[in-house]
Amino acid sequence: MKVRRVLCGALCGVALVASGCVSLDEHRRLQAANMSLRGQNQNLEADLFDARSLNDSLRTQADALQSQLDAKSTLVMNLQRENDQLSETARAVQATLEEMAGKYQPGDIAIVGPKLPQELDSALKSFASAHGDAVAYDPVTGTVKWKGDLLFALGSDVVVESAMAALSDFVQVLNSPAASGFEVLVVGHTDTIPIKHDATRAKHPTNWHLSAHRAISVGNALAKSGYDWSRICVAGCGEQRPVASNETDQGRSLNRRVEIYLLPRGSIVAAGTQATDQTGS
């Protein structure tokens, strides 16, 4: 019985020793694992700190960008408001211009003399009727208007031969007794197409020159047909006095014209000189 007790005690001791060795290894393993976990935790904390710093930086940038966006949105709204105001102003100005355009057109120059004598008025009406394809007569202003395309080739100031007969007939009216108290003002007009060809531009640098040169050529033609040089005055208005739109061929054709005004003799005088009415009226 005593031996059995000793043996049991020995076995229990061995078991306790064995049990103690296993616990120590496990303890060391757990200690190492704990240290590893602490290291990982420190790394995670560092990563979390960096992430929070990056997040704060991005938030700051986002706030700055939002502020810029808000400022630009405000600017766009202000610009849109100004644009709407300018558009409204432009519409108002356009309406005013259209209203003014409806009331006034530049057209022919305003030279209105006394009413022509009945005999001269009748003679001019007959002349215009005989040459209706090339001439129009306005009895209110005493104006005979010649279609420029029938007087000249494009870009030229040389009167075409086919127009000389009508000019000669017109001179017969001017030399009649009914027109003895009158003289003429020849005014040239053009469209808005600029002079393009070098050779033409060398003679007529601008449409203004061309209109004046054409008026001179018509004045020369009247003189060659027997009208007194001293009773001829010429002027050029260029493209400044359109009677139709220059946006169409028909309108430009109407604007290329020569107008001849019948005025009382002595009404066209040098600057500073008083005009004298020699018609007796």
Protein backbone atom coordinates (compact mmCIF):
# COMPACT_ATOMS: atom_id res chain seq x y z
CA MET A 1 0.00 0.00 0.00
CA LYS A 2 2.85 2.35 0.80
CA VAL A 3 4.60 1.60 -2.48
CA ARG A 4 1.44 2.30 -4.38
CA ARG A 5 1.16 5.69 -2.70
CA VAL A 6 4.75 6.59 -3.58
CA LEU A 7 4.24 5.52 -7.17
CA CYS A 8 1.11 7.64 -7.46
CA GLY A 9 2.93 10.58 -6.02
CA ALA A 10 5.76 10.15 -8.48
CA LEU A 11 3.36 9.92 -11.40
CA CYS A 12 1.58 13.05 -10.27
CA GLY A 13 4.91 14.87 -10.06
CA VAL A 14 5.85 13.80 -13.55
CA ALA A 15 2.45 14.95 -14.78
CA LEU A 16 2.85 18.29 -13.10
CA VAL A 17 6.34 18.76 -14.53
CA ALA A 18 5.12 17.84 -17.99
CA SER A 19 2.14 20.09 -17.62
CA GLY A 20 4.38 22.98 -16.54
CA CYS A 21 6.65 22.67 -19.64
CA VAL A 22 3.68 22.88 -22.07
CA SER A 23 2.30 26.00 -20.40
CA LEU A 24 5.69 27.78 -20.61
CA ASP A 25 6.00 27.20 -24.40
CA GLU A 26 2.46 28.29 -24.93
CA HIS A 27 3.13 31.36 -22.83
CA ARG A 28 6.17 32.25 -24.89
CA ARG A 29 4.24 31.66 -28.14
CA LEU A 30 1.43 33.86 -26.94
CA GLN A 31 3.91 36.49 -25.85
CA ALA A 32 5.50 36.53 -29.33
CA ALA A 33 2.09 36.66 -30.97
CA ASN A 34 1.11 39.52 -28.69
CA MET A 35 4.25 41.47 -29.61
CA SER A 36 3.54 40.85 -33.30
CA LEU A 37 -0.01 42.07 -32.87
CA ARG A 38 1.24 45.16 -31.06
CA GLY A 39 3.58 45.89 -33.94
CA GLN A 40 0.79 45.44 -36.45
CA ASN A 41 -1.46 47.64 -34.34
CA GLN A 42 1.20 50.37 -34.27
CA ASN A 43 1.55 50.11 -38.04
CA LEU A 44 -2.23 50.30 -38.43
CA GLU A 45 -2.37 53.32 -36.14
CA ALA A 46 0.34 55.00 -38.23
CA ASP A 47 -1.58 54.18 -41.42
CA LEU A 48 -4.78 55.50 -39.82
CA PHE A 49 -2.99 58.74 -38.87
CA ASP A 50 -1.68 59.14 -42.41
CA ALA A 51 -5.14 58.41 -43.83
CA ARG A 52 -6.72 60.97 -41.51
CA SER A 53 -4.08 63.54 -42.51
CA LEU A 54 -4.70 62.83 -46.20
CA ASN A 55 -8.45 63.05 -45.62
CA ASP A 56 -8.05 66.42 -43.88
CA SER A 57 -5.87 67.67 -46.76
CA LEU A 58 -8.38 66.45 -49.35
CA ARG A 59 -11.23 68.02 -47.38
CA THR A 60 -9.34 71.33 -47.31
CA GLN A 61 -8.75 71.12 -51.07
CA ALA A 62 -12.40 70.21 -51.62
CA ASP A 63 -13.51 73.20 -49.55
CA ALA A 64 -11.19 75.47 -51.55
CA LEU A 65 -12.47 74.08 -54.85
CA GLN A 66 -16.06 74.48 -53.65
CA SER A 67 -15.33 78.11 -52.78
CA GLN A 68 -13.86 78.67 -56.24
CA LEU A 69 -16.86 76.95 -57.83
CA ASP A 70 -19.25 79.10 -55.81
CA ALA A 71 -17.34 82.24 -56.85
CA LYS A 72 -17.38 81.22 -60.52
CA SER A 73 -21.07 80.33 -60.32
CA THR A 74 -21.74 83.79 -58.92
CA LEU A 75 -19.65 85.31 -61.72
CA VAL A 76 -21.54 83.31 -64.35
CA MET A 77 -24.85 84.46 -62.89
CA ASN A 78 -23.70 88.08 -62.92
CA LEU A 79 -22.43 87.78 -66.50
CA GLN A 80 -25.68 86.14 -67.57
CA ARG A 81 -27.62 88.97 -65.94
CA GLU A 82 -25.44 91.56 -67.71
CA ASN A 83 -25.82 89.68 -71.00
CA ASP A 84 -29.60 89.68 -70.60
CA GLN A 85 -29.51 93.42 -69.91
CA LEU A 86 -27.27 94.04 -72.94
CA SER A 87 -29.54 91.91 -75.12
CA GLU A 88 -32.55 93.89 -73.96
CA THR A 89 -30.70 97.15 -74.64
CA ALA A 90 -29.66 95.89 -78.10
CA ARG A 91 -33.27 94.99 -78.92
CA ALA A 92 -34.41 98.42 -77.80
CA VAL A 93 -31.71 100.12 -79.89
CA GLN A 94 -32.56 97.95 -82.90
CA ALA A 95 -36.23 98.83 -82.55
CA THR A 96 -35.34 102.52 -82.34
CA LEU A 97 -33.10 102.27 -85.41
CA GLU A 98 -35.78 100.47 -87.37
CA GLU A 99 -38.29 103.12 -86.37
CA MET A 100 -35.87 105.87 -87.41
CA ALA A 101 -35.10 104.04 -90.66
CA GLY A 102 -38.80 103.93 -91.41
CA LYS A 103 -39.03 107.68 -90.94
CA TYR A 104 -35.87 108.68 -92.80
CA GLN A 105 -33.91 107.26 -95.72
CA PRO A 106 -30.71 108.99 -96.95
CA GLY A 107 -31.55 108.44 -100.61
CA ASP A 108 -31.01 111.25 -103.06
CA ILE A 109 -29.44 114.51 -102.00
CA ALA A 110 -32.01 117.11 -101.02
CA ILE A 111 -31.84 119.84 -103.65
CA VAL A 112 -35.24 121.34 -104.20
CA GLY A 113 -35.51 124.44 -106.33
CA PRO A 114 -38.56 126.36 -107.47
CA LYS A 115 -41.15 124.52 -109.48
CA LEU A 116 -40.08 124.26 -113.11
CA PRO A 117 -42.02 126.24 -115.70
CA GLN A 118 -44.90 124.30 -117.20
CA GLU A 119 -43.31 124.25 -120.68
CA LEU A 120 -40.00 122.88 -119.33
CA ASP A 121 -41.77 120.38 -117.07
CA SER A 122 -43.77 119.07 -120.04
CA ALA A 123 -40.66 118.82 -122.21
CA LEU A 124 -38.82 116.81 -119.54
CA LYS A 125 -41.79 114.50 -119.07
CA SER A 126 -41.89 113.86 -122.81
CA PHE A 127 -38.14 113.26 -122.86
CA ALA A 128 -38.34 110.78 -119.94
CA SER A 129 -41.27 108.99 -121.57
CA ALA A 130 -39.30 108.59 -124.81
CA HIS A 131 -36.32 107.14 -122.91
CA GLY A 132 -38.17 105.35 -120.12
CA ASP A 133 -35.79 102.39 -120.14
CA ALA A 134 -32.87 104.63 -119.13
CA VAL A 135 -34.30 107.79 -117.58
CA ALA A 136 -36.68 108.76 -114.77
CA TYR A 137 -37.91 112.31 -114.18
CA ASP A 138 -39.01 113.74 -110.81
CA PRO A 139 -40.97 116.99 -111.34
CA VAL A 140 -40.96 117.79 -107.60
CA THR A 141 -37.19 118.19 -107.41
CA GLY A 142 -36.58 118.92 -111.08
CA THR A 143 -34.33 115.86 -111.34
CA VAL A 144 -33.57 113.65 -114.31
CA LYS A 145 -32.14 110.35 -113.07
CA TRP A 146 -30.06 108.20 -115.41
CA LYS A 147 -29.54 104.50 -114.76
CA GLY A 148 -25.80 104.08 -114.32
CA ASP A 149 -25.63 100.63 -115.91
CA LEU A 150 -26.94 102.13 -119.17
CA LEU A 151 -24.41 104.96 -119.11
CA PHE A 152 -21.23 103.09 -118.14
CA ALA A 153 -19.66 99.67 -118.09
CA LEU A 154 -18.88 98.36 -114.59
CA GLY A 155 -15.92 100.16 -113.07
CA SER A 156 -15.69 102.59 -116.01
CA ASP A 157 -16.27 106.32 -116.31
CA VAL A 158 -16.51 106.29 -120.12
CA VAL A 159 -20.04 107.02 -121.35
CA VAL A 160 -21.16 104.17 -123.63
CA GLU A 161 -21.96 105.09 -127.22
CA SER A 162 -25.54 103.82 -126.92
CA ALA A 163 -26.29 106.51 -124.33
CA MET A 164 -25.09 109.46 -126.42
CA ALA A 165 -28.33 109.80 -128.42
CA ALA A 166 -30.42 110.19 -125.25
CA LEU A 167 -27.93 112.70 -123.82
CA SER A 168 -28.10 114.66 -127.06
CA ASP A 169 -31.92 114.74 -126.88
CA PHE A 170 -31.65 115.93 -123.26
CA VAL A 171 -29.37 118.79 -124.35
CA GLN A 172 -32.02 119.91 -126.82
CA VAL A 173 -34.41 120.30 -123.88
CA LEU A 174 -31.75 122.16 -121.87
CA ASN A 175 -31.09 124.53 -124.76
CA SER A 176 -34.77 125.30 -125.27
CA PRO A 177 -36.07 128.78 -124.34
CA ALA A 178 -38.02 127.24 -121.45
CA ALA A 179 -34.76 126.16 -119.80
CA SER A 180 -32.77 129.32 -120.50
CA GLY A 181 -32.99 130.40 -116.85
CA PHE A 182 -31.60 127.13 -115.52
CA GLU A 183 -28.28 125.32 -115.13
CA VAL A 184 -27.52 121.71 -114.22
CA LEU A 185 -25.85 119.89 -111.35
CA VAL A 186 -24.64 116.42 -112.36
CA VAL A 187 -24.26 114.03 -109.39
CA GLY A 188 -22.73 110.55 -109.64
CA HIS A 189 -23.54 107.62 -107.31
CA THR A 190 -22.19 104.06 -106.95
CA ASP A 191 -23.01 100.87 -105.06
CA THR A 192 -20.91 99.58 -102.13
CA ILE A 193 -18.74 97.09 -104.04
CA PRO A 194 -15.14 98.34 -103.76
CA ILE A 195 -12.84 98.85 -106.73
CA LYS A 196 -10.93 95.57 -107.15
CA HIS A 197 -8.89 95.60 -110.35
CA ASP A 198 -5.52 97.34 -110.09
CA ALA A 199 -5.88 99.06 -113.46
CA THR A 200 -9.31 100.43 -112.52
CA ARG A 201 -8.17 101.41 -109.03
CA ALA A 202 -5.27 103.35 -110.55
CA LYS A 203 -7.85 105.60 -112.27
CA HIS A 204 -10.52 105.53 -109.56
CA PRO A 205 -8.99 104.79 -106.11
CA THR A 206 -12.41 104.64 -104.42
CA ASN A 207 -16.11 104.61 -105.27
CA TRP A 208 -16.16 108.28 -104.38
CA HIS A 209 -13.61 109.00 -107.11
CA LEU A 210 -15.53 106.82 -109.56
CA SER A 211 -18.82 108.63 -108.88
CA ALA A 212 -17.17 112.04 -109.36
CA HIS A 213 -15.39 110.91 -112.53
CA ARG A 214 -18.67 109.60 -113.94
CA ALA A 215 -20.37 112.92 -113.20
CA ILE A 216 -17.54 114.69 -115.02
CA SER A 217 -17.92 112.34 -118.01
CA VAL A 218 -21.64 113.06 -118.24
CA GLY A 219 -20.91 116.79 -117.96
CA ASN A 220 -18.40 116.45 -120.80
CA ALA A 221 -20.96 114.54 -122.88
CA LEU A 222 -23.53 117.32 -122.35
CA ALA A 223 -20.97 119.94 -123.37
CA LYS A 224 -19.95 117.98 -126.47
CA SER A 225 -23.62 117.77 -127.42
CA GLY A 226 -23.86 121.56 -127.38
CA TYR A 227 -24.65 122.57 -123.80
CA ASP A 228 -22.83 125.59 -122.32
CA TRP A 229 -19.84 124.54 -120.15
CA SER A 230 -20.49 127.41 -117.74
CA ARG A 231 -23.90 126.01 -116.86
CA ILE A 232 -22.58 122.61 -115.74
CA CYS A 233 -21.55 121.70 -112.19
CA VAL A 234 -20.55 118.17 -111.12
CA ALA A 235 -20.41 116.26 -107.81
CA GLY A 236 -19.79 112.70 -106.61
CA CYS A 237 -21.49 111.04 -103.64
CA GLY A 238 -19.91 107.61 -103.97
CA GLU A 239 -21.86 104.95 -102.10
CA GLN A 240 -23.14 107.31 -99.41
CA ARG A 241 -26.62 107.95 -100.84
CA PRO A 242 -28.23 104.60 -101.70
CA VAL A 243 -31.83 104.48 -102.87
CA ALA A 244 -32.08 100.69 -102.52
CA SER A 245 -30.45 97.85 -100.62
CA ASN A 246 -26.91 96.98 -101.63
CA GLU A 247 -27.54 93.36 -100.60
CA THR A 248 -29.10 92.44 -103.97
CA ASP A 249 -28.05 92.81 -107.60
CA GLN A 250 -31.21 94.79 -108.37
CA GLY A 251 -30.61 97.17 -105.47
CA ARG A 252 -26.98 97.74 -106.44
CA SER A 253 -28.06 98.41 -110.02
CA LEU A 254 -30.47 101.11 -108.80
CA ASN A 255 -27.75 102.70 -106.68
CA ARG A 256 -25.38 102.98 -109.66
CA ARG A 257 -26.91 106.10 -111.15
CA VAL A 258 -26.30 109.66 -112.35
CA GLU A 259 -28.74 112.39 -111.35
CA ILE A 260 -29.04 115.72 -113.15
CA TYR A 261 -30.70 118.53 -111.21
CA LEU A 262 -32.11 121.60 -112.97
CA LEU A 263 -31.49 124.64 -110.79
CA PRO A 264 -32.04 128.35 -111.35
CA ARG A 265 -28.99 129.94 -112.94
CA GLY A 266 -26.76 131.54 -110.34
CA SER A 267 -27.85 129.21 -107.51
CA ILE A 268 -24.54 127.30 -107.67
CA VAL A 269 -21.91 129.81 -106.65
CA ALA A 270 -18.51 129.90 -104.99
CA ALA A 271 -18.35 129.82 -101.19
CA GLY A 272 -19.02 133.22 -99.63
CA THR A 273 -20.87 134.47 -102.72
CA GLN A 274 -24.54 135.32 -102.60
CA ALA A 275 -26.68 133.45 -105.09
CA THR A 276 -28.73 135.44 -107.58
CA ASP A 277 -31.99 134.19 -109.04
CA GLN A 278 -31.90 135.01 -112.74
CA THR A 279 -35.21 133.38 -113.64
CA GLY A 280 -37.11 136.55 -112.91
CA SER A 281 -39.43 134.73 -110.51
